[in-house]
């Protein structure tokens, strides 16, 4: 089962997420969301897309090899 989140939830894993909107509104698209940030609402119509984790990642600023 995919990791799926709703708008206004807190992101618990940085990575690339597929934003799943109402298909009549806009096609699905991929976005980067950072750990601790809030999954946003759609800024055009205020709707609440779902977000599905496509690829987990780590913020480079949190990685010991890059500090």
Protein backbone atom coordinates (compact mmCIF):
# COMPACT_ATOMS: atom_id res chain seq x y z
CA UNK A 1 0.00 0.00 0.00
CA UNK A 2 1.33 3.43 -0.92
CA UNK A 3 2.11 6.13 1.63
CA UNK A 4 -0.72 8.61 1.12
CA UNK A 5 -1.26 11.89 2.94
CA UNK A 6 -3.87 14.64 2.92
CA UNK A 7 -3.55 18.40 2.69
CA UNK A 8 -2.81 20.03 6.05
CA UNK A 9 -1.09 16.91 7.46
CA UNK A 10 2.55 17.16 8.55
CA UNK A 11 5.10 15.52 6.25
CA UNK A 12 7.01 12.78 8.12
CA UNK A 13 9.39 11.88 5.24
CA UNK A 14 11.12 14.26 2.83
CA UNK A 15 10.78 13.20 -0.77
CA UNK A 16 8.99 13.45 -4.06
CA UNK A 17 5.22 13.14 -3.80
CA UNK A 18 2.56 12.85 -6.47
CA UNK A 19 -0.11 15.50 -5.88
CA UNK A 20 -3.43 13.90 -6.79
CA UNK A 21 -6.08 16.48 -7.63
CA UNK A 22 -9.61 16.12 -8.93
CA UNK A 23 -9.02 15.14 -12.58
CA UNK A 24 -11.41 17.88 -13.73
CA UNK A 25 -9.20 20.43 -11.97
CA UNK A 26 -5.64 19.54 -13.03
CA UNK A 27 -3.59 16.45 -13.89
CA UNK A 28 -1.56 14.77 -11.16
CA UNK A 29 1.97 16.13 -10.83
CA UNK A 30 5.07 15.49 -8.73
CA UNK A 31 6.31 17.89 -6.04
CA UNK A 32 9.05 17.87 -3.40
CA UNK A 33 7.90 18.09 0.22
CA UNK A 34 10.32 18.49 3.13
CA UNK A 35 10.06 16.72 6.50
CA UNK A 36 8.10 18.76 9.04
CA UNK A 37 6.36 20.93 6.44
CA UNK A 38 2.59 20.87 5.95
CA UNK A 39 1.14 19.26 2.82
CA UNK A 40 -0.50 22.28 1.19
CA UNK A 41 -3.94 22.99 -0.16
CA UNK A 42 -4.29 23.90 -3.82
CA UNK A 43 -3.63 27.61 -4.19
CA UNK A 44 -5.88 28.00 -7.24
CA UNK A 45 -9.18 26.66 -5.91
CA UNK A 46 -8.52 25.86 -2.26
CA UNK A 47 -9.18 22.16 -2.84
CA UNK A 48 -7.36 19.48 -0.87
CA UNK A 49 -5.28 17.16 -3.04
CA UNK A 50 -3.85 13.92 -1.67
CA UNK A 51 -0.12 13.26 -1.77
CA UNK A 52 1.40 9.86 -2.54
CA UNK A 53 5.07 9.18 -1.80
CA UNK A 54 6.93 8.45 -5.06
CA UNK A 55 10.53 8.49 -3.81
CA UNK A 56 11.77 9.09 -0.27
CA UNK A 57 14.76 11.35 0.17
CA UNK A 58 16.72 13.21 2.79
CA UNK A 59 17.19 16.96 2.91
CA UNK A 60 20.85 17.55 2.08
CA UNK A 61 21.10 19.95 5.03
CA UNK A 62 20.20 17.06 7.37
CA UNK A 63 22.76 14.63 5.98
CA UNK A 64 25.98 14.24 8.02
CA UNK A 65 28.11 13.89 4.86
CA UNK A 66 27.18 17.43 3.78
CA UNK A 67 27.43 19.33 7.06
